[in-house]
Amino acid sequence: IGLPFWGRGYATEAAVAMVGYGFNELGLN
């Protein structure tokens, strides 16, 4: 995440979405 955007929740929101995609769409364990 670019420095000007730190502390705004972008990383957490993106991580939660990517984890959901990994488990639900890609079938990861």
PDB file of all heavy atoms in Angstrom:
ATOM      1  N   ILE A   1       0.868  -1.183   0.000  1.00  0.00           N
ATOM      2  CA  ILE A   1       0.000   0.000   0.000  1.00  0.00           C
ATOM      3  C   ILE A   1       0.900   1.226   0.000  1.00  0.00           C
ATOM      4  O   ILE A   1       1.848   1.308   0.786  1.00  0.00           O
ATOM      5  CB  ILE A   1      -0.942   0.022   1.230  1.00  0.00           C
ATOM      6  CG1 ILE A   1      -1.828  -1.229   1.267  1.00  0.00           C
ATOM      7  CG2 ILE A   1      -1.778   1.294   1.254  1.00  0.00           C
ATOM      8  CD1 ILE A   1      -2.813  -1.371   0.127  1.00  0.00           C
ATOM      9  N   GLY A   2       0.600   2.177  -0.872  1.00  0.00           N
ATOM     10  CA  GLY A   2       1.385   3.401  -0.953  1.00  0.00           C
ATOM     11  C   GLY A   2       1.331   4.196   0.346  1.00  0.00           C
ATOM     12  O   GLY A   2       0.279   4.279   0.998  1.00  0.00           O
ATOM     13  N   LEU A   3       2.449   4.776   0.719  1.00  0.00           N
ATOM     14  CA  LEU A   3       2.582   5.514   1.979  1.00  0.00           C
ATOM     15  C   LEU A   3       1.460   6.523   2.239  1.00  0.00           C
ATOM     16  O   LEU A   3       0.944   6.584   3.355  1.00  0.00           O
ATOM     17  CB  LEU A   3       3.955   6.202   2.033  1.00  0.00           C
ATOM     18  CG  LEU A   3       4.289   6.977   3.300  1.00  0.00           C
ATOM     19  CD1 LEU A   3       4.266   6.076   4.518  1.00  0.00           C
ATOM     20  CD2 LEU A   3       5.664   7.622   3.165  1.00  0.00           C
ATOM     21  N   PRO A   4       1.020   7.305   1.253  1.00  0.00           N
ATOM     22  CA  PRO A   4      -0.053   8.273   1.541  1.00  0.00           C
ATOM     23  C   PRO A   4      -1.374   7.628   1.964  1.00  0.00           C
ATOM     24  O   PRO A   4      -2.254   8.296   2.492  1.00  0.00           O
ATOM     25  CB  PRO A   4      -0.244   9.021   0.211  1.00  0.00           C
ATOM     26  CG  PRO A   4       0.982   8.764  -0.575  1.00  0.00           C
ATOM     27  CD  PRO A   4       1.506   7.439  -0.123  1.00  0.00           C
ATOM     28  N   PHE A   5      -1.496   6.305   1.752  1.00  0.00           N
ATOM     29  CA  PHE A   5      -2.757   5.620   2.034  1.00  0.00           C
ATOM     30  C   PHE A   5      -2.685   4.702   3.258  1.00  0.00           C
ATOM     31  O   PHE A   5      -3.630   3.979   3.551  1.00  0.00           O
ATOM     32  CB  PHE A   5      -3.182   4.818   0.793  1.00  0.00           C
ATOM     33  CG  PHE A   5      -3.272   5.655  -0.435  1.00  0.00           C
ATOM     34  CD1 PHE A   5      -2.263   5.641  -1.383  1.00  0.00           C
ATOM     35  CD2 PHE A   5      -4.349   6.503  -0.641  1.00  0.00           C
ATOM     36  CE1 PHE A   5      -2.330   6.421  -2.519  1.00  0.00           C
ATOM     37  CE2 PHE A   5      -4.425   7.292  -1.767  1.00  0.00           C
ATOM     38  CZ  PHE A   5      -3.417   7.263  -2.711  1.00  0.00           C
ATOM     39  N   TRP A   6      -1.559   4.717   3.957  1.00  0.00           N
ATOM     40  CA  TRP A   6      -1.407   3.882   5.149  1.00  0.00           C
ATOM     41  C   TRP A   6      -2.423   4.283   6.220  1.00  0.00           C
ATOM     42  O   TRP A   6      -2.795   5.450   6.345  1.00  0.00           O
ATOM     43  CB  TRP A   6      -0.008   4.021   5.726  1.00  0.00           C
ATOM     44  CG  TRP A   6       1.072   3.351   4.931  1.00  0.00           C
ATOM     45  CD1 TRP A   6       0.954   2.751   3.714  1.00  0.00           C
ATOM     46  CD2 TRP A   6       2.438   3.239   5.299  1.00  0.00           C
ATOM     47  NE1 TRP A   6       2.167   2.279   3.300  1.00  0.00           N
ATOM     48  CE2 TRP A   6       3.109   2.560   4.249  1.00  0.00           C
ATOM     49  CE3 TRP A   6       3.166   3.652   6.398  1.00  0.00           C
ATOM     50  CZ2 TRP A   6       4.460   2.278   4.290  1.00  0.00           C
ATOM     51  CZ3 TRP A   6       4.522   3.377   6.435  1.00  0.00           C
ATOM     52  CH2 TRP A   6       5.155   2.688   5.390  1.00  0.00           C
ATOM     53  N   GLY A   7      -2.852   3.310   7.008  1.00  0.00           N
ATOM     54  CA  GLY A   7      -3.717   3.569   8.150  1.00  0.00           C
ATOM     55  C   GLY A   7      -5.173   3.823   7.806  1.00  0.00           C
ATOM     56  O   GLY A   7      -5.944   4.250   8.658  1.00  0.00           O
ATOM     57  N   ARG A   8      -5.572   3.552   6.592  1.00  0.00           N
ATOM     58  CA  ARG A   8      -6.951   3.802   6.167  1.00  0.00           C
ATOM     59  C   ARG A   8      -7.764   2.530   5.959  1.00  0.00           C
ATOM     60  O   ARG A   8      -8.896   2.588   5.495  1.00  0.00           O
ATOM     61  CB  ARG A   8      -6.962   4.626   4.880  1.00  0.00           C
ATOM     62  CG  ARG A   8      -6.325   5.982   5.034  1.00  0.00           C
ATOM     63  CD  ARG A   8      -6.511   6.787   3.781  1.00  0.00           C
ATOM     64  NE  ARG A   8      -5.735   8.020   3.800  1.00  0.00           N
ATOM     65  CZ  ARG A   8      -5.726   8.872   2.809  1.00  0.00           C
ATOM     66  NH1 ARG A   8      -6.453   8.658   1.727  1.00  0.00           N
ATOM     67  NH2 ARG A   8      -4.990   9.966   2.890  1.00  0.00           N
ATOM     68  N   GLY A   9      -7.171   1.373   6.253  1.00  0.00           N
ATOM     69  CA  GLY A   9      -7.892   0.109   6.143  1.00  0.00           C
ATOM     70  C   GLY A   9      -7.849  -0.555   4.778  1.00  0.00           C
ATOM     71  O   GLY A   9      -8.464  -1.604   4.584  1.00  0.00           O
ATOM     72  N   TYR A  10      -7.132   0.030   3.833  1.00  0.00           N
ATOM     73  CA  TYR A  10      -7.086  -0.547   2.487  1.00  0.00           C
ATOM     74  C   TYR A  10      -6.467  -1.945   2.496  1.00  0.00           C
ATOM     75  O   TYR A  10      -6.965  -2.853   1.825  1.00  0.00           O
ATOM     76  CB  TYR A  10      -6.298   0.343   1.521  1.00  0.00           C
ATOM     77  CG  TYR A  10      -6.971   1.636   1.187  1.00  0.00           C
ATOM     78  CD1 TYR A  10      -6.438   2.851   1.609  1.00  0.00           C
ATOM     79  CD2 TYR A  10      -8.143   1.663   0.425  1.00  0.00           C
ATOM     80  CE1 TYR A  10      -7.050   4.054   1.293  1.00  0.00           C
ATOM     81  CE2 TYR A  10      -8.764   2.859   0.101  1.00  0.00           C
ATOM     82  CZ  TYR A  10      -8.212   4.056   0.534  1.00  0.00           C
ATOM     83  OH  TYR A  10      -8.812   5.238   0.217  1.00  0.00           O
ATOM     84  N   ALA A  11      -5.372  -2.129   3.203  1.00  0.00           N
ATOM     85  CA  ALA A  11      -4.692  -3.424   3.217  1.00  0.00           C
ATOM     86  C   ALA A  11      -5.584  -4.494   3.833  1.00  0.00           C
ATOM     87  O   ALA A  11      -5.689  -5.608   3.293  1.00  0.00           O
ATOM     88  CB  ALA A  11      -3.361  -3.328   3.962  1.00  0.00           C
ATOM     89  N   THR A  12      -6.234  -4.174   4.932  1.00  0.00           N
ATOM     90  CA  THR A  12      -7.112  -5.146   5.584  1.00  0.00           C
ATOM     91  C   THR A  12      -8.282  -5.513   4.680  1.00  0.00           C
ATOM     92  O   THR A  12      -8.601  -6.698   4.508  1.00  0.00           O
ATOM     93  CB  THR A  12      -7.623  -4.598   6.926  1.00  0.00           C
ATOM     94  OG1 THR A  12      -6.507  -4.322   7.771  1.00  0.00           O
ATOM     95  CG2 THR A  12      -8.549  -5.590   7.602  1.00  0.00           C
ATOM     96  N   GLU A  13      -8.907  -4.516   4.090  1.00  0.00           N
ATOM     97  CA  GLU A  13     -10.044  -4.775   3.198  1.00  0.00           C
ATOM     98  C   GLU A  13      -9.622  -5.645   2.013  1.00  0.00           C
ATOM     99  O   GLU A  13     -10.315  -6.598   1.649  1.00  0.00           O
ATOM    100  CB  GLU A  13     -10.631  -3.454   2.698  1.00  0.00           C
ATOM    101  CG  GLU A  13     -11.858  -3.623   1.830  1.00  0.00           C
ATOM    102  CD  GLU A  13     -12.464  -2.316   1.368  1.00  0.00           C
ATOM    103  OE1 GLU A  13     -12.044  -1.238   1.837  1.00  0.00           O
ATOM    104  OE2 GLU A  13     -13.371  -2.386   0.517  1.00  0.00           O
ATOM    105  N   ALA A  14      -8.482  -5.332   1.424  1.00  0.00           N
ATOM    106  CA  ALA A  14      -7.990  -6.109   0.285  1.00  0.00           C
ATOM    107  C   ALA A  14      -7.617  -7.522   0.711  1.00  0.00           C
ATOM    108  O   ALA A  14      -7.902  -8.493  -0.010  1.00  0.00           O
ATOM    109  CB  ALA A  14      -6.796  -5.396  -0.356  1.00  0.00           C
ATOM    110  N   ALA A  15      -6.979  -7.670   1.872  1.00  0.00           N
ATOM    111  CA  ALA A  15      -6.576  -8.993   2.351  1.00  0.00           C
ATOM    112  C   ALA A  15      -7.798  -9.868   2.621  1.00  0.00           C
ATOM    113  O   ALA A  15      -7.823 -11.042   2.229  1.00  0.00           O
ATOM    114  CB  ALA A  15      -5.715  -8.872   3.604  1.00  0.00           C
ATOM    115  N   VAL A  16      -8.808  -9.320   3.269  1.00  0.00           N
ATOM    116  CA  VAL A  16     -10.029 -10.080   3.551  1.00  0.00           C
ATOM    117  C   VAL A  16     -10.683 -10.529   2.241  1.00  0.00           C
ATOM    118  O   VAL A  16     -11.098 -11.689   2.102  1.00  0.00           O
ATOM    119  CB  VAL A  16     -11.003  -9.248   4.416  1.00  0.00           C
ATOM    120  CG1 VAL A  16     -12.382  -9.888   4.460  1.00  0.00           C
ATOM    121  CG2 VAL A  16     -10.445  -9.076   5.825  1.00  0.00           C
ATOM    122  N   ALA A  17     -10.748  -9.640   1.264  1.00  0.00           N
ATOM    123  CA  ALA A  17     -11.349  -9.983  -0.027  1.00  0.00           C
ATOM    124  C   ALA A  17     -10.535 -11.065  -0.743  1.00  0.00           C
ATOM    125  O   ALA A  17     -11.102 -12.008  -1.305  1.00  0.00           O
ATOM    126  CB  ALA A  17     -11.464  -8.734  -0.902  1.00  0.00           C
ATOM    127  N   MET A  18      -9.217 -10.950  -0.710  1.00  0.00           N
ATOM    128  CA  MET A  18      -8.370 -11.917  -1.399  1.00  0.00           C
ATOM    129  C   MET A  18      -8.434 -13.278  -0.721  1.00  0.00           C
ATOM    130  O   MET A  18      -8.454 -14.309  -1.391  1.00  0.00           O
ATOM    131  CB  MET A  18      -6.937 -11.407  -1.471  1.00  0.00           C
ATOM    132  CG  MET A  18      -6.057 -12.206  -2.401  1.00  0.00           C
ATOM    133  SD  MET A  18      -6.554 -12.138  -4.137  1.00  0.00           S
ATOM    134  CE  MET A  18      -5.368 -10.952  -4.750  1.00  0.00           C
ATOM    135  N   VAL A  19      -8.496 -13.305   0.601  1.00  0.00           N
ATOM    136  CA  VAL A  19      -8.637 -14.567   1.325  1.00  0.00           C
ATOM    137  C   VAL A  19      -9.959 -15.241   0.943  1.00  0.00           C
ATOM    138  O   VAL A  19      -9.998 -16.440   0.652  1.00  0.00           O
ATOM    139  CB  VAL A  19      -8.542 -14.343   2.854  1.00  0.00           C
ATOM    140  CG1 VAL A  19      -9.049 -15.554   3.624  1.00  0.00           C
ATOM    141  CG2 VAL A  19      -7.104 -14.017   3.246  1.00  0.00           C
ATOM    142  N   GLY A  20     -11.032 -14.475   0.927  1.00  0.00           N
ATOM    143  CA  GLY A  20     -12.326 -15.019   0.516  1.00  0.00           C
ATOM    144  C   GLY A  20     -12.288 -15.586  -0.890  1.00  0.00           C
ATOM    145  O   GLY A  20     -12.811 -16.677  -1.160  1.00  0.00           O
ATOM    146  N   TYR A  21     -11.654 -14.868  -1.806  1.00  0.00           N
ATOM    147  CA  TYR A  21     -11.519 -15.329  -3.179  1.00  0.00           C
ATOM    148  C   TYR A  21     -10.691 -16.623  -3.234  1.00  0.00           C
ATOM    149  O   TYR A  21     -11.051 -17.563  -3.942  1.00  0.00           O
ATOM    150  CB  TYR A  21     -10.877 -14.240  -4.038  1.00  0.00           C
ATOM    151  CG  TYR A  21     -10.783 -14.607  -5.489  1.00  0.00           C
ATOM    152  CD1 TYR A  21     -11.901 -14.527  -6.324  1.00  0.00           C
ATOM    153  CD2 TYR A  21      -9.585 -15.056  -6.038  1.00  0.00           C
ATOM    154  CE1 TYR A  21     -11.822 -14.879  -7.655  1.00  0.00           C
ATOM    155  CE2 TYR A  21      -9.498 -15.415  -7.369  1.00  0.00           C
ATOM    156  CZ  TYR A  21     -10.620 -15.323  -8.180  1.00  0.00           C
ATOM    157  OH  TYR A  21     -10.536 -15.685  -9.493  1.00  0.00           O
ATOM    158  N   GLY A  22      -9.599 -16.640  -2.483  1.00  0.00           N
ATOM    159  CA  GLY A  22      -8.742 -17.823  -2.479  1.00  0.00           C
ATOM    160  C   GLY A  22      -9.457 -19.073  -2.006  1.00  0.00           C
ATOM    161  O   GLY A  22      -9.315 -20.150  -2.600  1.00  0.00           O
ATOM    162  N   PHE A  23     -10.245 -18.947  -0.957  1.00  0.00           N
ATOM    163  CA  PHE A  23     -10.957 -20.106  -0.432  1.00  0.00           C
ATOM    164  C   PHE A  23     -12.196 -20.441  -1.260  1.00  0.00           C
ATOM    165  O   PHE A  23     -12.416 -21.595  -1.615  1.00  0.00           O
ATOM    166  CB  PHE A  23     -11.359 -19.881   1.030  1.00  0.00           C
ATOM    167  CG  PHE A  23     -10.195 -19.880   1.986  1.00  0.00           C
ATOM    168  CD1 PHE A  23     -10.152 -18.988   3.033  1.00  0.00           C
ATOM    169  CD2 PHE A  23      -9.139 -20.764   1.837  1.00  0.00           C
ATOM    170  CE1 PHE A  23      -9.089 -18.980   3.926  1.00  0.00           C
ATOM    171  CE2 PHE A  23      -8.067 -20.771   2.726  1.00  0.00           C
ATOM    172  CZ  PHE A  23      -8.046 -19.869   3.770  1.00  0.00           C
ATOM    173  N   ASN A  24     -13.004 -19.433  -1.572  1.00  0.00           N
ATOM    174  CA  ASN A  24     -14.299 -19.678  -2.212  1.00  0.00           C
ATOM    175  C   ASN A  24     -14.232 -19.905  -3.714  1.00  0.00           C
ATOM    176  O   ASN A  24     -15.006 -20.699  -4.248  1.00  0.00           O
ATOM    177  CB  ASN A  24     -15.256 -18.530  -1.906  1.00  0.00           C
ATOM    178  CG  ASN A  24     -15.491 -18.369  -0.424  1.00  0.00           C
ATOM    179  OD1 ASN A  24     -15.551 -19.350   0.309  1.00  0.00           O
ATOM    180  ND2 ASN A  24     -15.594 -17.137   0.030  1.00  0.00           N
ATOM    181  N   GLU A  25     -13.349 -19.216  -4.393  1.00  0.00           N
ATOM    182  CA  GLU A  25     -13.282 -19.335  -5.852  1.00  0.00           C
ATOM    183  C   GLU A  25     -12.155 -20.236  -6.334  1.00  0.00           C
ATOM    184  O   GLU A  25     -12.302 -20.926  -7.337  1.00  0.00           O
ATOM    185  CB  GLU A  25     -13.127 -17.943  -6.494  1.00  0.00           C
ATOM    186  CG  GLU A  25     -14.246 -16.968  -6.138  1.00  0.00           C
ATOM    187  CD  GLU A  25     -15.623 -17.461  -6.558  1.00  0.00           C
ATOM    188  OE1 GLU A  25     -15.753 -18.090  -7.630  1.00  0.00           O
ATOM    189  OE2 GLU A  25     -16.586 -17.216  -5.804  1.00  0.00           O
ATOM    190  N   LEU A  26     -11.025 -20.214  -5.641  1.00  0.00           N
ATOM    191  CA  LEU A  26      -9.868 -20.998  -6.078  1.00  0.00           C
ATOM    192  C   LEU A  26      -9.757 -22.341  -5.377  1.00  0.00           C
ATOM    193  O   LEU A  26      -8.949 -23.175  -5.756  1.00  0.00           O
ATOM    194  CB  LEU A  26      -8.576 -20.195  -5.868  1.00  0.00           C
ATOM    195  CG  LEU A  26      -8.487 -18.873  -6.625  1.00  0.00           C
ATOM    196  CD1 LEU A  26      -7.186 -18.155  -6.284  1.00  0.00           C
ATOM    197  CD2 LEU A  26      -8.600 -19.101  -8.134  1.00  0.00           C
ATOM    198  N   GLY A  27     -10.551 -22.553  -4.332  1.00  0.00           N
ATOM    199  CA  GLY A  27     -10.545 -23.833  -3.634  1.00  0.00           C
ATOM    200  C   GLY A  27      -9.311 -24.098  -2.798  1.00  0.00           C
ATOM    201  O   GLY A  27      -8.971 -25.254  -2.531  1.00  0.00           O
ATOM    202  N   LEU A  28      -8.649 -23.034  -2.346  1.00  0.00           N
ATOM    203  CA  LEU A  28      -7.445 -23.209  -1.540  1.00  0.00           C
ATOM    204  C   LEU A  28      -7.791 -23.738  -0.151  1.00  0.00           C
ATOM    205  O   LEU A  28      -8.897 -23.531   0.353  1.00  0.00           O
ATOM    206  CB  LEU A  28      -6.696 -21.884  -1.407  1.00  0.00           C
ATOM    207  CG  LEU A  28      -6.208 -21.266  -2.719  1.00  0.00           C
ATOM    208  CD1 LEU A  28      -5.602 -19.896  -2.455  1.00  0.00           C
ATOM    209  CD2 LEU A  28      -5.217 -22.188  -3.415  1.00  0.00           C
ATOM    210  N   ASN A  29      -6.814 -24.376   0.479  1.00  0.00           N
ATOM    211  CA  ASN A  29      -6.960 -24.845   1.859  1.00  0.00           C
ATOM    212  C   ASN A  29      -6.189 -23.976   2.834  1.00  0.00           C
ATOM    213  O   ASN A  29      -6.563 -23.883   4.003  1.00  0.00           O
ATOM    214  CB  ASN A  29      -6.467 -26.290   1.982  1.00  0.00           C
ATOM    215  CG  ASN A  29      -6.634 -26.822   3.386  1.00  0.00           C
ATOM    216  OD1 ASN A  29      -7.747 -26.911   3.890  1.00  0.00           O
ATOM    217  ND2 ASN A  29      -5.531 -27.150   4.033  1.00  0.00           N
TER     218      ASN A  29
END
